[in-house]
C-alpha atoms as a PDB file:
ATOM      1  CA  MET A   1      68.613 111.186  71.051  1.00  0.00           C
ATOM      2  CA  LEU A   2      69.530 107.581  70.353  1.00  0.00           C
ATOM      3  CA  ALA A   3      70.174 104.914  72.933  1.00  0.00           C
ATOM      4  CA  PRO A   4      73.875 104.050  73.247  1.00  0.00           C
ATOM      5  CA  ALA A   5      74.875 101.118  71.075  1.00  0.00           C
ATOM      6  CA  GLU A   6      77.396  99.724  73.556  1.00  0.00           C
ATOM      7  CA  GLY A   7      76.622  98.197  76.911  1.00  0.00           C
ATOM      8  CA  CYS A   8      77.865  99.656  80.167  1.00  0.00           C
ATOM      9  CA  SER A   9      80.380  96.883  80.683  1.00  0.00           C
ATOM     10  CA  THR A  10      82.341  98.112  77.656  1.00  0.00           C
ATOM     11  CA  LEU A  11      83.200 101.273  79.604  1.00  0.00           C
ATOM     12  CA  ILE A  12      85.025  99.323  82.311  1.00  0.00           C
ATOM     13  CA  ALA A  13      88.810  99.477  82.029  1.00  0.00           C
ATOM     14  CA  SER A  14      90.284  96.113  81.126  1.00  0.00           C
ATOM     15  CA  ARG A  15      92.745  96.330  84.023  1.00  0.00           C
ATOM     16  CA  TRP A  16      89.810  96.145  86.438  1.00  0.00           C
ATOM     17  CA  GLY A  17      89.251  92.551  85.367  1.00  0.00           C
ATOM     18  CA  GLU A  18      92.780  91.569  86.275  1.00  0.00           C
ATOM     19  CA  PRO A  19      93.537  90.355  89.792  1.00  0.00           C
ATOM     20  CA  VAL A  20      95.530  92.634  92.066  1.00  0.00           C
ATOM     21  CA  PRO A  21      98.626  90.671  93.064  1.00  0.00           C
ATOM     22  CA  SER A  22      99.315  89.908  96.684  1.00  0.00           C
ATOM     23  CA  ALA A  23     102.221  91.565  98.446  1.00  0.00           C
ATOM     24  CA  VAL A  24     105.463  89.615  98.643  1.00  0.00           C
ATOM     25  CA  LEU A  25     106.919  88.562 101.972  1.00  0.00           C
ATOM     26  CA  GLN A  26     110.535  89.683 101.995  1.00  0.00           C
ATOM     27  CA  SER A  27     113.262  87.798 103.771  1.00  0.00           C
ATOM     28  CA  SER A  28     115.776  89.645 105.930  1.00  0.00           C
ATOM     29  CA  ASP A  29     117.505  89.208 109.261  1.00  0.00           C
ATOM     30  CA  ASP A  30     114.408  90.389 111.153  1.00  0.00           C
ATOM     31  CA  PRO A  31     111.361  88.132 110.588  1.00  0.00           C
ATOM     32  CA  ALA A  32     109.116  90.353 112.720  1.00  0.00           C
ATOM     33  CA  MET A  33     109.961  93.372 110.575  1.00  0.00           C
ATOM     34  CA  ASP A  34     109.393  91.312 107.413  1.00  0.00           C
ATOM     35  CA  TRP A  35     105.865  90.466 108.537  1.00  0.00           C
ATOM     36  CA  GLN A  36     105.143  94.063 109.484  1.00  0.00           C
ATOM     37  CA  LEU A  37     106.302  95.293 106.093  1.00  0.00           C
ATOM     38  CA  PHE A  38     104.285  92.553 104.401  1.00  0.00           C
ATOM     39  CA  GLY A  39     101.166  93.642 106.287  1.00  0.00           C
ATOM     40  CA  ILE A  40     101.645  97.242 105.202  1.00  0.00           C
ATOM     41  CA  ALA A  41     102.238  96.216 101.586  1.00  0.00           C
ATOM     42  CA  GLN A  42      99.240  93.855 101.616  1.00  0.00           C
ATOM     43  CA  THR A  43      97.026  96.653 102.920  1.00  0.00           C
ATOM     44  CA  GLY A  44      98.171  98.775  99.988  1.00  0.00           C
ATOM     45  CA  GLN A  45      97.231  96.016  97.557  1.00  0.00           C
ATOM     46  CA  LEU A  46      93.814  95.715  99.225  1.00  0.00           C
ATOM     47  CA  ASN A  47      93.321  99.458  98.846  1.00  0.00           C
ATOM     48  CA  ILE A  48      94.089  99.175  95.118  1.00  0.00           C
ATOM     49  CA  ALA A  49      91.607  96.306  94.715  1.00  0.00           C
ATOM     50  CA  ASN A  50      88.885  98.170  96.614  1.00  0.00           C
ATOM     51  CA  ARG A  51      89.477 101.334  94.573  1.00  0.00           C
ATOM     52  CA  ASP A  52      89.205  99.434  91.299  1.00  0.00           C
ATOM     53  CA  LYS A  53      85.987  97.737  92.401  1.00  0.00           C
ATOM     54  CA  ALA A  54      84.426 101.023  93.539  1.00  0.00           C
ATOM     55  CA  ASP A  55      85.453 102.752  90.281  1.00  0.00           C
ATOM     56  CA  ALA A  56      83.958  99.946  88.191  1.00  0.00           C
ATOM     57  CA  LEU A  57      80.660 100.017  90.080  1.00  0.00           C
ATOM     58  CA  GLU A  58      80.434 103.806  89.836  1.00  0.00           C
ATOM     59  CA  THR A  59      81.071 103.653  86.091  1.00  0.00           C
ATOM     60  CA  ILE A  60      78.318 101.072  85.639  1.00  0.00           C
ATOM     61  CA  ARG A  61      75.846 103.042  87.793  1.00  0.00           C
ATOM     62  CA  ARG A  62      76.456 106.245  85.836  1.00  0.00           C
ATOM     63  CA  CYS A  63      76.178 104.396  82.550  1.00  0.00           C
ATOM     64  CA  GLU A  64      72.893 102.791  83.557  1.00  0.00           C
ATOM     65  CA  ALA A  65      71.513 106.204  84.590  1.00  0.00           C
ATOM     66  CA  ARG A  66      72.617 107.616  81.214  1.00  0.00           C
ATOM     67  CA  ASP A  67      70.919 104.753  79.370  1.00  0.00           C
ATOM     68  CA  ALA A  68      67.724 105.124  81.418  1.00  0.00           C
ATOM     69  CA  ALA A  69      67.589 108.843  80.565  1.00  0.00           C
ATOM     70  CA  ALA A  70      68.042 108.045  76.872  1.00  0.00           C
ATOM     71  CA  ILE A  71      65.230 105.493  77.003  1.00  0.00           C
ATOM     72  CA  ARG A  72      62.927 107.987  78.749  1.00  0.00           C
ATOM     73  CA  GLN A  73      63.668 110.504  75.988  1.00  0.00           C
ATOM     74  CA  VAL A  74      62.943 107.991  73.239  1.00  0.00           C
ATOM     75  CA  GLU A  75      59.753 106.651  74.804  1.00  0.00           C
ATOM     76  CA  ARG A  76      58.045 109.950  75.539  1.00  0.00           C
ATOM     77  CA  PRO A  77      55.230 111.077  73.186  1.00  0.00           C
ATOM     78  CA  TRP A  78      56.349 112.659  69.928  1.00  0.00           C
ATOM     79  CA  TRP A  79      54.932 116.068  70.830  1.00  0.00           C
ATOM     80  CA  ARG A  80      56.938 116.124  74.101  1.00  0.00           C
ATOM     81  CA  ARG A  81      60.101 115.689  72.062  1.00  0.00           C
ATOM     82  CA  LEU A  82      59.520 119.171  70.648  1.00  0.00           C
ATOM     83  CA  LEU A  83      59.969 120.661  74.120  1.00  0.00           C
ATOM     84  CA  PRO A  84      63.413 121.152  75.638  1.00  0.00           C
ATOM     85  CA  GLY A  85      64.632 118.600  78.161  1.00  0.00           C
END
């Protein structure tokens, strides 16, 4: 088993590096309703940003665990490599 050639950060989707845009405050005849709708939309944008951050961190954690397992396999004594696992 060889250690992966690419770092864990290469597994992160490029869209996760892009900012999540803020919601847009609409303008209608009811300013109170506009602010309520803005708050709901902004919460949705926050949920998207939090999901992307959690997904990125989980990807990195799994990648680091994969790399650590590969290193353990490579560094064990040669005779242990003959055994499964």
